[in-house]
mmCIF file of all heavy atoms, coordinates in Angstrom:
data_MODEL
# 
_entry.id   MODEL 
# 
loop_
_atom_site.group_PDB 
_atom_site.id 
_atom_site.type_symbol 
_atom_site.label_atom_id 
_atom_site.label_alt_id 
_atom_site.label_comp_id 
_atom_site.label_asym_id 
_atom_site.label_entity_id 
_atom_site.label_seq_id 
_atom_site.pdbx_PDB_ins_code 
_atom_site.Cartn_x 
_atom_site.Cartn_y 
_atom_site.Cartn_z 
_atom_site.occupancy 
_atom_site.B_iso_or_equiv 
_atom_site.pdbx_formal_charge 
_atom_site.auth_seq_id 
_atom_site.auth_comp_id 
_atom_site.auth_asym_id 
_atom_site.auth_atom_id 
_atom_site.pdbx_PDB_model_num 
ATOM 1   N N   . VAL A 1 1  ? 20.565 -54.434 45.417 1.00 0.00 ? 1  VAL A N   1 
ATOM 2   C CA  . VAL A 1 1  ? 21.537 -54.290 44.327 1.00 0.00 ? 1  VAL A CA  1 
ATOM 3   C C   . VAL A 1 1  ? 21.744 -55.641 43.647 1.00 0.00 ? 1  VAL A C   1 
ATOM 4   O O   . VAL A 1 1  ? 21.928 -56.657 44.323 1.00 0.00 ? 1  VAL A O   1 
ATOM 5   C CB  . VAL A 1 1  ? 22.895 -53.769 44.840 1.00 0.00 ? 1  VAL A CB  1 
ATOM 6   C CG1 . VAL A 1 1  ? 23.808 -53.446 43.665 1.00 0.00 ? 1  VAL A CG1 1 
ATOM 7   C CG2 . VAL A 1 1  ? 22.722 -52.549 45.717 1.00 0.00 ? 1  VAL A CG2 1 
ATOM 8   N N   . THR A 1 2  ? 21.737 -55.627 42.325 1.00 0.00 ? 2  THR A N   1 
ATOM 9   C CA  . THR A 1 2  ? 21.998 -56.866 41.591 1.00 0.00 ? 2  THR A CA  1 
ATOM 10  C C   . THR A 1 2  ? 22.686 -56.576 40.266 1.00 0.00 ? 2  THR A C   1 
ATOM 11  O O   . THR A 1 2  ? 22.499 -55.515 39.676 1.00 0.00 ? 2  THR A O   1 
ATOM 12  C CB  . THR A 1 2  ? 20.682 -57.629 41.311 1.00 0.00 ? 2  THR A CB  1 
ATOM 13  O OG1 . THR A 1 2  ? 20.980 -58.891 40.704 1.00 0.00 ? 2  THR A OG1 1 
ATOM 14  C CG2 . THR A 1 2  ? 19.762 -56.848 40.375 1.00 0.00 ? 2  THR A CG2 1 
ATOM 15  N N   . ASP A 1 3  ? 23.497 -57.515 39.828 1.00 0.00 ? 3  ASP A N   1 
ATOM 16  C CA  . ASP A 1 3  ? 23.936 -57.529 38.433 1.00 0.00 ? 3  ASP A CA  1 
ATOM 17  C C   . ASP A 1 3  ? 22.745 -57.933 37.575 1.00 0.00 ? 3  ASP A C   1 
ATOM 18  O O   . ASP A 1 3  ? 21.898 -58.728 38.009 1.00 0.00 ? 3  ASP A O   1 
ATOM 19  C CB  . ASP A 1 3  ? 25.049 -58.559 38.220 1.00 0.00 ? 3  ASP A CB  1 
ATOM 20  C CG  . ASP A 1 3  ? 26.385 -58.119 38.795 1.00 0.00 ? 3  ASP A CG  1 
ATOM 21  O OD1 . ASP A 1 3  ? 26.636 -56.909 38.837 1.00 0.00 ? 3  ASP A OD1 1 
ATOM 22  O OD2 . ASP A 1 3  ? 27.162 -58.994 39.209 1.00 0.00 ? 3  ASP A OD2 1 
ATOM 23  N N   . ALA A 1 4  ? 22.658 -57.429 36.361 1.00 0.00 ? 4  ALA A N   1 
ATOM 24  C CA  . ALA A 1 4  ? 21.635 -57.889 35.428 1.00 0.00 ? 4  ALA A CA  1 
ATOM 25  C C   . ALA A 1 4  ? 22.049 -59.231 34.829 1.00 0.00 ? 4  ALA A C   1 
ATOM 26  O O   . ALA A 1 4  ? 21.265 -60.179 34.770 1.00 0.00 ? 4  ALA A O   1 
ATOM 27  C CB  . ALA A 1 4  ? 21.398 -56.854 34.334 1.00 0.00 ? 4  ALA A CB  1 
ATOM 28  N N   . VAL A 1 5  ? 23.303 -59.304 34.377 1.00 0.00 ? 5  VAL A N   1 
ATOM 29  C CA  . VAL A 1 5  ? 23.926 -60.555 33.931 1.00 0.00 ? 5  VAL A CA  1 
ATOM 30  C C   . VAL A 1 5  ? 25.131 -60.796 34.831 1.00 0.00 ? 5  VAL A C   1 
ATOM 31  O O   . VAL A 1 5  ? 25.971 -59.908 34.984 1.00 0.00 ? 5  VAL A O   1 
ATOM 32  C CB  . VAL A 1 5  ? 24.360 -60.483 32.458 1.00 0.00 ? 5  VAL A CB  1 
ATOM 33  C CG1 . VAL A 1 5  ? 25.182 -61.704 32.079 1.00 0.00 ? 5  VAL A CG1 1 
ATOM 34  C CG2 . VAL A 1 5  ? 23.147 -60.361 31.546 1.00 0.00 ? 5  VAL A CG2 1 
ATOM 35  N N   . PHE A 1 6  ? 25.209 -61.959 35.424 1.00 0.00 ? 6  PHE A N   1 
ATOM 36  C CA  . PHE A 1 6  ? 26.283 -62.246 36.370 1.00 0.00 ? 6  PHE A CA  1 
ATOM 37  C C   . PHE A 1 6  ? 27.547 -62.634 35.611 1.00 0.00 ? 6  PHE A C   1 
ATOM 38  O O   . PHE A 1 6  ? 27.542 -63.513 34.745 1.00 0.00 ? 6  PHE A O   1 
ATOM 39  C CB  . PHE A 1 6  ? 25.841 -63.334 37.351 1.00 0.00 ? 6  PHE A CB  1 
ATOM 40  C CG  . PHE A 1 6  ? 24.750 -62.852 38.254 1.00 0.00 ? 6  PHE A CG  1 
ATOM 41  C CD1 . PHE A 1 6  ? 23.421 -63.004 37.907 1.00 0.00 ? 6  PHE A CD1 1 
ATOM 42  C CD2 . PHE A 1 6  ? 25.051 -62.191 39.440 1.00 0.00 ? 6  PHE A CD2 1 
ATOM 43  C CE1 . PHE A 1 6  ? 22.406 -62.525 38.728 1.00 0.00 ? 6  PHE A CE1 1 
ATOM 44  C CE2 . PHE A 1 6  ? 24.052 -61.696 40.259 1.00 0.00 ? 6  PHE A CE2 1 
ATOM 45  C CZ  . PHE A 1 6  ? 22.727 -61.861 39.901 1.00 0.00 ? 6  PHE A CZ  1 
ATOM 46  N N   . SER A 1 7  ? 28.631 -61.943 35.958 1.00 0.00 ? 7  SER A N   1 
ATOM 47  C CA  . SER A 1 7  ? 29.821 -61.927 35.118 1.00 0.00 ? 7  SER A CA  1 
ATOM 48  C C   . SER A 1 7  ? 30.538 -63.266 35.016 1.00 0.00 ? 7  SER A C   1 
ATOM 49  O O   . SER A 1 7  ? 31.226 -63.515 34.023 1.00 0.00 ? 7  SER A O   1 
ATOM 50  C CB  . SER A 1 7  ? 30.801 -60.872 35.632 1.00 0.00 ? 7  SER A CB  1 
ATOM 51  O OG  . SER A 1 7  ? 31.198 -61.143 36.968 1.00 0.00 ? 7  SER A OG  1 
ATOM 52  N N   . MET A 1 8  ? 30.434 -64.130 36.022 1.00 0.00 ? 8  MET A N   1 
ATOM 53  C CA  . MET A 1 8  ? 31.173 -65.387 35.979 1.00 0.00 ? 8  MET A CA  1 
ATOM 54  C C   . MET A 1 8  ? 30.308 -66.585 35.587 1.00 0.00 ? 8  MET A C   1 
ATOM 55  O O   . MET A 1 8  ? 30.813 -67.617 35.170 1.00 0.00 ? 8  MET A O   1 
ATOM 56  C CB  . MET A 1 8  ? 31.824 -65.669 37.342 1.00 0.00 ? 8  MET A CB  1 
ATOM 57  C CG  . MET A 1 8  ? 32.943 -64.708 37.690 1.00 0.00 ? 8  MET A CG  1 
ATOM 58  S SD  . MET A 1 8  ? 34.312 -64.807 36.512 1.00 0.00 ? 8  MET A SD  1 
ATOM 59  C CE  . MET A 1 8  ? 34.282 -63.158 35.817 1.00 0.00 ? 8  MET A CE  1 
ATOM 60  N N   . ASP A 1 9  ? 28.984 -66.456 35.736 1.00 0.00 ? 9  ASP A N   1 
ATOM 61  C CA  . ASP A 1 9  ? 28.080 -67.556 35.387 1.00 0.00 ? 9  ASP A CA  1 
ATOM 62  C C   . ASP A 1 9  ? 27.289 -67.279 34.118 1.00 0.00 ? 9  ASP A C   1 
ATOM 63  O O   . ASP A 1 9  ? 26.813 -68.206 33.473 1.00 0.00 ? 9  ASP A O   1 
ATOM 64  C CB  . ASP A 1 9  ? 27.114 -67.836 36.539 1.00 0.00 ? 9  ASP A CB  1 
ATOM 65  C CG  . ASP A 1 9  ? 27.808 -68.480 37.725 1.00 0.00 ? 9  ASP A CG  1 
ATOM 66  O OD1 . ASP A 1 9  ? 28.518 -67.777 38.457 1.00 0.00 ? 9  ASP A OD1 1 
ATOM 67  O OD2 . ASP A 1 9  ? 27.662 -69.697 37.903 1.00 0.00 ? 9  ASP A OD2 1 
ATOM 68  N N   . GLY A 1 10 ? 27.116 -65.993 33.782 1.00 0.00 ? 10 GLY A N   1 
ATOM 69  C CA  . GLY A 1 10 ? 26.405 -65.649 32.567 1.00 0.00 ? 10 GLY A CA  1 
ATOM 70  C C   . GLY A 1 10 ? 24.898 -65.741 32.650 1.00 0.00 ? 10 GLY A C   1 
ATOM 71  O O   . GLY A 1 10 ? 24.207 -65.538 31.649 1.00 0.00 ? 10 GLY A O   1 
ATOM 72  N N   . ASP A 1 11 ? 24.349 -66.054 33.840 1.00 0.00 ? 11 ASP A N   1 
ATOM 73  C CA  . ASP A 1 11 ? 22.896 -66.139 33.960 1.00 0.00 ? 11 ASP A CA  1 
ATOM 74  C C   . ASP A 1 11 ? 22.305 -64.773 34.279 1.00 0.00 ? 11 ASP A C   1 
ATOM 75  O O   . ASP A 1 11 ? 23.013 -63.821 34.606 1.00 0.00 ? 11 ASP A O   1 
ATOM 76  C CB  . ASP A 1 11 ? 22.497 -67.179 35.008 1.00 0.00 ? 11 ASP A CB  1 
ATOM 77  C CG  . ASP A 1 11 ? 23.130 -66.925 36.369 1.00 0.00 ? 11 ASP A CG  1 
ATOM 78  O OD1 . ASP A 1 11 ? 24.124 -66.175 36.449 1.00 0.00 ? 11 ASP A OD1 1 
ATOM 79  O OD2 . ASP A 1 11 ? 22.620 -67.471 37.365 1.00 0.00 ? 11 ASP A OD2 1 
ATOM 80  N N   . LEU A 1 12 ? 20.982 -64.662 34.174 1.00 0.00 ? 12 LEU A N   1 
ATOM 81  C CA  . LEU A 1 12 ? 20.289 -63.394 34.306 1.00 0.00 ? 12 LEU A CA  1 
ATOM 82  C C   . LEU A 1 12 ? 19.616 -63.268 35.672 1.00 0.00 ? 12 LEU A C   1 
ATOM 83  O O   . LEU A 1 12 ? 19.155 -64.250 36.248 1.00 0.00 ? 12 LEU A O   1 
ATOM 84  C CB  . LEU A 1 12 ? 19.229 -63.246 33.212 1.00 0.00 ? 12 LEU A CB  1 
ATOM 85  C CG  . LEU A 1 12 ? 19.643 -63.588 31.774 1.00 0.00 ? 12 LEU A CG  1 
ATOM 86  C CD1 . LEU A 1 12 ? 18.497 -63.276 30.814 1.00 0.00 ? 12 LEU A CD1 1 
ATOM 87  C CD2 . LEU A 1 12 ? 20.895 -62.845 31.355 1.00 0.00 ? 12 LEU A CD2 1 
ATOM 88  N N   . ALA A 1 13 ? 19.535 -62.041 36.165 1.00 0.00 ? 13 ALA A N   1 
ATOM 89  C CA  . ALA A 1 13 ? 18.831 -61.773 37.413 1.00 0.00 ? 13 ALA A CA  1 
ATOM 90  C C   . ALA A 1 13 ? 17.320 -61.805 37.165 1.00 0.00 ? 13 ALA A C   1 
ATOM 91  O O   . ALA A 1 13 ? 16.861 -61.417 36.083 1.00 0.00 ? 13 ALA A O   1 
ATOM 92  C CB  . ALA A 1 13 ? 19.235 -60.412 37.963 1.00 0.00 ? 13 ALA A CB  1 
ATOM 93  N N   . PRO A 1 14 ? 16.534 -62.235 38.145 1.00 0.00 ? 14 PRO A N   1 
ATOM 94  C CA  . PRO A 1 14 ? 15.068 -62.239 38.016 1.00 0.00 ? 14 PRO A CA  1 
ATOM 95  C C   . PRO A 1 14 ? 14.512 -60.833 38.262 1.00 0.00 ? 14 PRO A C   1 
ATOM 96  O O   . PRO A 1 14 ? 13.945 -60.535 39.311 1.00 0.00 ? 14 PRO A O   1 
ATOM 97  C CB  . PRO A 1 14 ? 14.636 -63.229 39.104 1.00 0.00 ? 14 PRO A CB  1 
ATOM 98  C CG  . PRO A 1 14 ? 15.685 -63.114 40.156 1.00 0.00 ? 14 PRO A CG  1 
ATOM 99  C CD  . PRO A 1 14 ? 16.978 -62.820 39.424 1.00 0.00 ? 14 PRO A CD  1 
ATOM 100 N N   . LEU A 1 15 ? 14.662 -59.973 37.287 1.00 0.00 ? 15 LEU A N   1 
ATOM 101 C CA  . LEU A 1 15 ? 14.369 -58.557 37.483 1.00 0.00 ? 15 LEU A CA  1 
ATOM 102 C C   . LEU A 1 15 ? 12.900 -58.284 37.773 1.00 0.00 ? 15 LEU A C   1 
ATOM 103 O O   . LEU A 1 15 ? 12.565 -57.375 38.546 1.00 0.00 ? 15 LEU A O   1 
ATOM 104 C CB  . LEU A 1 15 ? 14.833 -57.754 36.268 1.00 0.00 ? 15 LEU A CB  1 
ATOM 105 C CG  . LEU A 1 15 ? 16.351 -57.737 36.030 1.00 0.00 ? 15 LEU A CG  1 
ATOM 106 C CD1 . LEU A 1 15 ? 16.691 -56.940 34.781 1.00 0.00 ? 15 LEU A CD1 1 
ATOM 107 C CD2 . LEU A 1 15 ? 17.071 -57.154 37.240 1.00 0.00 ? 15 LEU A CD2 1 
ATOM 108 N N   . GLN A 1 16 ? 11.983 -59.045 37.162 1.00 0.00 ? 16 GLN A N   1 
ATOM 109 C CA  . GLN A 1 16 ? 10.563 -58.816 37.443 1.00 0.00 ? 16 GLN A CA  1 
ATOM 110 C C   . GLN A 1 16 ? 10.261 -59.030 38.920 1.00 0.00 ? 16 GLN A C   1 
ATOM 111 O O   . GLN A 1 16 ? 9.576  -58.216 39.560 1.00 0.00 ? 16 GLN A O   1 
ATOM 112 C CB  . GLN A 1 16 ? 9.681  -59.746 36.599 1.00 0.00 ? 16 GLN A CB  1 
ATOM 113 C CG  . GLN A 1 16 ? 9.731  -59.453 35.102 1.00 0.00 ? 16 GLN A CG  1 
ATOM 114 C CD  . GLN A 1 16 ? 10.681 -60.375 34.377 1.00 0.00 ? 16 GLN A CD  1 
ATOM 115 O OE1 . GLN A 1 16 ? 11.666 -60.842 34.962 1.00 0.00 ? 16 GLN A OE1 1 
ATOM 116 N NE2 . GLN A 1 16 ? 10.416 -60.644 33.112 1.00 0.00 ? 16 GLN A NE2 1 
ATOM 117 N N   . GLU A 1 17 ? 10.780 -60.128 39.485 1.00 0.00 ? 17 GLU A N   1 
ATOM 118 C CA  . GLU A 1 17 ? 10.542 -60.413 40.905 1.00 0.00 ? 17 GLU A CA  1 
ATOM 119 C C   . GLU A 1 17 ? 11.203 -59.378 41.802 1.00 0.00 ? 17 GLU A C   1 
ATOM 120 O O   . GLU A 1 17 ? 10.651 -58.998 42.844 1.00 0.00 ? 17 GLU A O   1 
ATOM 121 C CB  . GLU A 1 17 ? 11.058 -61.813 41.248 1.00 0.00 ? 17 GLU A CB  1 
ATOM 122 C CG  . GLU A 1 17 ? 10.267 -62.944 40.594 1.00 0.00 ? 17 GLU A CG  1 
ATOM 123 C CD  . GLU A 1 17 ? 10.810 -63.345 39.229 1.00 0.00 ? 17 GLU A CD  1 
ATOM 124 O OE1 . GLU A 1 17 ? 11.486 -62.519 38.576 1.00 0.00 ? 17 GLU A OE1 1 
ATOM 125 O OE2 . GLU A 1 17 ? 10.536 -64.485 38.819 1.00 0.00 ? 17 GLU A OE2 1 
ATOM 126 N N   . LEU A 1 18 ? 12.375 -58.905 41.407 1.00 0.00 ? 18 LEU A N   1 
ATOM 127 C CA  . LEU A 1 18 ? 13.067 -57.886 42.197 1.00 0.00 ? 18 LEU A CA  1 
ATOM 128 C C   . LEU A 1 18 ? 12.271 -56.582 42.229 1.00 0.00 ? 18 LEU A C   1 
ATOM 129 O O   . LEU A 1 18 ? 12.193 -55.919 43.273 1.00 0.00 ? 18 LEU A O   1 
ATOM 130 C CB  . LEU A 1 18 ? 14.462 -57.645 41.627 1.00 0.00 ? 18 LEU A CB  1 
ATOM 131 C CG  . LEU A 1 18 ? 15.479 -58.747 41.901 1.00 0.00 ? 18 LEU A CG  1 
ATOM 132 C CD1 . LEU A 1 18 ? 16.706 -58.586 41.021 1.00 0.00 ? 18 LEU A CD1 1 
ATOM 133 C CD2 . LEU A 1 18 ? 15.886 -58.753 43.371 1.00 0.00 ? 18 LEU A CD2 1 
ATOM 134 N N   . VAL A 1 19 ? 11.666 -56.218 41.112 1.00 0.00 ? 19 VAL A N   1 
ATOM 135 C CA  . VAL A 1 19 ? 10.832 -55.014 41.073 1.00 0.00 ? 19 VAL A CA  1 
ATOM 136 C C   . VAL A 1 19 ? 9.639  -55.160 42.011 1.00 0.00 ? 19 VAL A C   1 
ATOM 137 O O   . VAL A 1 19 ? 9.302  -54.236 42.772 1.00 0.00 ? 19 VAL A O   1 
ATOM 138 C CB  . VAL A 1 19 ? 10.370 -54.725 39.629 1.00 0.00 ? 19 VAL A CB  1 
ATOM 139 C CG1 . VAL A 1 19 ? 9.223  -53.716 39.621 1.00 0.00 ? 19 VAL A CG1 1 
ATOM 140 C CG2 . VAL A 1 19 ? 11.531 -54.206 38.794 1.00 0.00 ? 19 VAL A CG2 1 
ATOM 141 N N   . LEU A 1 20 ? 8.989  -56.308 41.988 1.00 0.00 ? 20 LEU A N   1 
ATOM 142 C CA  . LEU A 1 20 ? 7.831  -56.531 42.860 1.00 0.00 ? 20 LEU A CA  1 
ATOM 143 C C   . LEU A 1 20 ? 8.231  -56.448 44.333 1.00 0.00 ? 20 LEU A C   1 
ATOM 144 O O   . LEU A 1 20 ? 7.513  -55.848 45.158 1.00 0.00 ? 20 LEU A O   1 
ATOM 145 C CB  . LEU A 1 20 ? 7.201  -57.890 42.554 1.00 0.00 ? 20 LEU A CB  1 
ATOM 146 C CG  . LEU A 1 20 ? 6.525  -58.028 41.189 1.00 0.00 ? 20 LEU A CG  1 
ATOM 147 C CD1 . LEU A 1 20 ? 6.066  -59.465 40.963 1.00 0.00 ? 20 LEU A CD1 1 
ATOM 148 C CD2 . LEU A 1 20 ? 5.336  -57.076 41.079 1.00 0.00 ? 20 LEU A CD2 1 
ATOM 149 N N   . LEU A 1 21 ? 9.375  -57.025 44.685 1.00 0.00 ? 21 LEU A N   1 
ATOM 150 C CA  . LEU A 1 21 ? 9.818  -57.008 46.072 1.00 0.00 ? 21 LEU A CA  1 
ATOM 151 C C   . LEU A 1 21 ? 10.223 -55.607 46.518 1.00 0.00 ? 21 LEU A C   1 
ATOM 152 O O   . LEU A 1 21 ? 9.936  -55.196 47.654 1.00 0.00 ? 21 LEU A O   1 
ATOM 153 C CB  . LEU A 1 21 ? 10.984 -57.986 46.260 1.00 0.00 ? 21 LEU A CB  1 
ATOM 154 C CG  . LEU A 1 21 ? 10.611 -59.465 46.275 1.00 0.00 ? 21 LEU A CG  1 
ATOM 155 C CD1 . LEU A 1 21 ? 11.857 -60.333 46.282 1.00 0.00 ? 21 LEU A CD1 1 
ATOM 156 C CD2 . LEU A 1 21 ? 9.746  -59.791 47.493 1.00 0.00 ? 21 LEU A CD2 1 
ATOM 157 N N   . LYS A 1 22 ? 10.870 -54.874 45.664 1.00 0.00 ? 22 LYS A N   1 
ATOM 158 C CA  . LYS A 1 22 ? 11.290 -53.521 46.050 1.00 0.00 ? 22 LYS A CA  1 
ATOM 159 C C   . LYS A 1 22 ? 10.070 -52.636 46.266 1.00 0.00 ? 22 LYS A C   1 
ATOM 160 O O   . LYS A 1 22 ? 10.060 -51.776 47.159 1.00 0.00 ? 22 LYS A O   1 
ATOM 161 C CB  . LYS A 1 22 ? 12.259 -52.937 45.025 1.00 0.00 ? 22 LYS A CB  1 
ATOM 162 C CG  . LYS A 1 22 ? 11.651 -52.321 43.787 1.00 0.00 ? 22 LYS A CG  1 
ATOM 163 C CD  . LYS A 1 22 ? 11.654 -50.804 43.832 1.00 0.00 ? 22 LYS A CD  1 
ATOM 164 C CE  . LYS A 1 22 ? 11.065 -50.221 42.546 1.00 0.00 ? 22 LYS A CE  1 
ATOM 165 N NZ  . LYS A 1 22 ? 11.057 -48.753 42.537 1.00 0.00 ? 22 LYS A NZ  1 
ATOM 166 N N   . GLU A 1 23 ? 9.017  -52.831 45.475 1.00 0.00 ? 23 GLU A N   1 
ATOM 167 C CA  . GLU A 1 23 ? 7.799  -52.046 45.664 1.00 0.00 ? 23 GLU A CA  1 
ATOM 168 C C   . GLU A 1 23 ? 7.055  -52.469 46.928 1.00 0.00 ? 23 GLU A C   1 
ATOM 169 O O   . GLU A 1 23 ? 6.549  -51.626 47.674 1.00 0.00 ? 23 GLU A O   1 
ATOM 170 C CB  . GLU A 1 23 ? 6.898  -52.197 44.438 1.00 0.00 ? 23 GLU A CB  1 
ATOM 171 C CG  . GLU A 1 23 ? 7.479  -51.528 43.188 1.00 0.00 ? 23 GLU A CG  1 
ATOM 172 C CD  . GLU A 1 23 ? 6.650  -51.773 41.953 1.00 0.00 ? 23 GLU A CD  1 
ATOM 173 O OE1 . GLU A 1 23 ? 5.775  -52.675 41.984 1.00 0.00 ? 23 GLU A OE1 1 
ATOM 174 O OE2 . GLU A 1 23 ? 6.887  -51.080 40.948 1.00 0.00 ? 23 GLU A OE2 1 
ATOM 175 N N   . GLU A 1 24 ? 7.023  -53.764 47.201 1.00 0.00 ? 24 GLU A N   1 
ATOM 176 C CA  . GLU A 1 24 ? 6.317  -54.266 48.382 1.00 0.00 ? 24 GLU A CA  1 
ATOM 177 C C   . GLU A 1 24 ? 6.958  -53.787 49.679 1.00 0.00 ? 24 GLU A C   1 
ATOM 178 O O   . GLU A 1 24 ? 6.259  -53.459 50.647 1.00 0.00 ? 24 GLU A O   1 
ATOM 179 C CB  . GLU A 1 24 ? 6.287  -55.797 48.345 1.00 0.00 ? 24 GLU A CB  1 
ATOM 180 C CG  . GLU A 1 24 ? 5.565  -56.428 49.531 1.00 0.00 ? 24 GLU A CG  1 
ATOM 181 C CD  . GLU A 1 24 ? 5.539  -57.945 49.463 1.00 0.00 ? 24 GLU A CD  1 
ATOM 182 O OE1 . GLU A 1 24 ? 5.898  -58.508 48.394 1.00 0.00 ? 24 GLU A OE1 1 
ATOM 183 O OE2 . GLU A 1 24 ? 5.167  -58.570 50.471 1.00 0.00 ? 24 GLU A OE2 1 
ATOM 184 N N   . TYR A 1 25 ? 8.280  -53.712 49.693 1.00 0.00 ? 25 TYR A N   1 
ATOM 185 C CA  . TYR A 1 25 ? 8.986  -53.375 50.927 1.00 0.00 ? 25 TYR A CA  1 
ATOM 186 C C   . TYR A 1 25 ? 9.544  -51.949 50.940 1.00 0.00 ? 25 TYR A C   1 
ATOM 187 O O   . TYR A 1 25 ? 10.262 -51.586 51.872 1.00 0.00 ? 25 TYR A O   1 
ATOM 188 C CB  . TYR A 1 25 ? 10.110 -54.388 51.172 1.00 0.00 ? 25 TYR A CB  1 
ATOM 189 C CG  . TYR A 1 25 ? 9.585  -55.734 51.616 1.00 0.00 ? 25 TYR A CG  1 
ATOM 190 C CD1 . TYR A 1 25 ? 9.311  -56.743 50.680 1.00 0.00 ? 25 TYR A CD1 1 
ATOM 191 C CD2 . TYR A 1 25 ? 9.333  -56.003 52.958 1.00 0.00 ? 25 TYR A CD2 1 
ATOM 192 C CE1 . TYR A 1 25 ? 8.820  -57.970 51.078 1.00 0.00 ? 25 TYR A CE1 1 
ATOM 193 C CE2 . TYR A 1 25 ? 8.839  -57.233 53.365 1.00 0.00 ? 25 TYR A CE2 1 
ATOM 194 C CZ  . TYR A 1 25 ? 8.581  -58.211 52.425 1.00 0.00 ? 25 TYR A CZ  1 
ATOM 195 O OH  . TYR A 1 25 ? 8.083  -59.436 52.823 1.00 0.00 ? 25 TYR A OH  1 
ATOM 196 N N   . GLY A 1 26 ? 9.214  -51.159 49.940 1.00 0.00 ? 26 GLY A N   1 
ATOM 197 C CA  . GLY A 1 26 ? 9.652  -49.773 49.933 1.00 0.00 ? 26 GLY A CA  1 
ATOM 198 C C   . GLY A 1 26 ? 11.158 -49.610 49.830 1.00 0.00 ? 26 GLY A C   1 
ATOM 199 O O   . GLY A 1 26 ? 11.752 -48.744 50.482 1.00 0.00 ? 26 GLY A O   1 
ATOM 200 N N   . ALA A 1 27 ? 11.785 -50.428 49.005 1.00 0.00 ? 27 ALA A N   1 
ATOM 201 C CA  . ALA A 1 27 ? 13.242 -50.379 48.850 1.00 0.00 ? 27 ALA A CA  1 
ATOM 202 C C   . ALA A 1 27 ? 13.614 -49.613 47.584 1.00 0.00 ? 27 ALA A C   1 
ATOM 203 O O   . ALA A 1 27 ? 12.775 -49.324 46.722 1.00 0.00 ? 27 ALA A O   1 
ATOM 204 C CB  . ALA A 1 27 ? 13.815 -51.798 48.790 1.00 0.00 ? 27 ALA A CB  1 
# 
């Protein structure tokens, strides 16, 4: 689970890497 944009810092989640990891580990 991740925020796309983090509400207090305003930075972005590394969504491409998260997709690769979820596919690799079956999450």
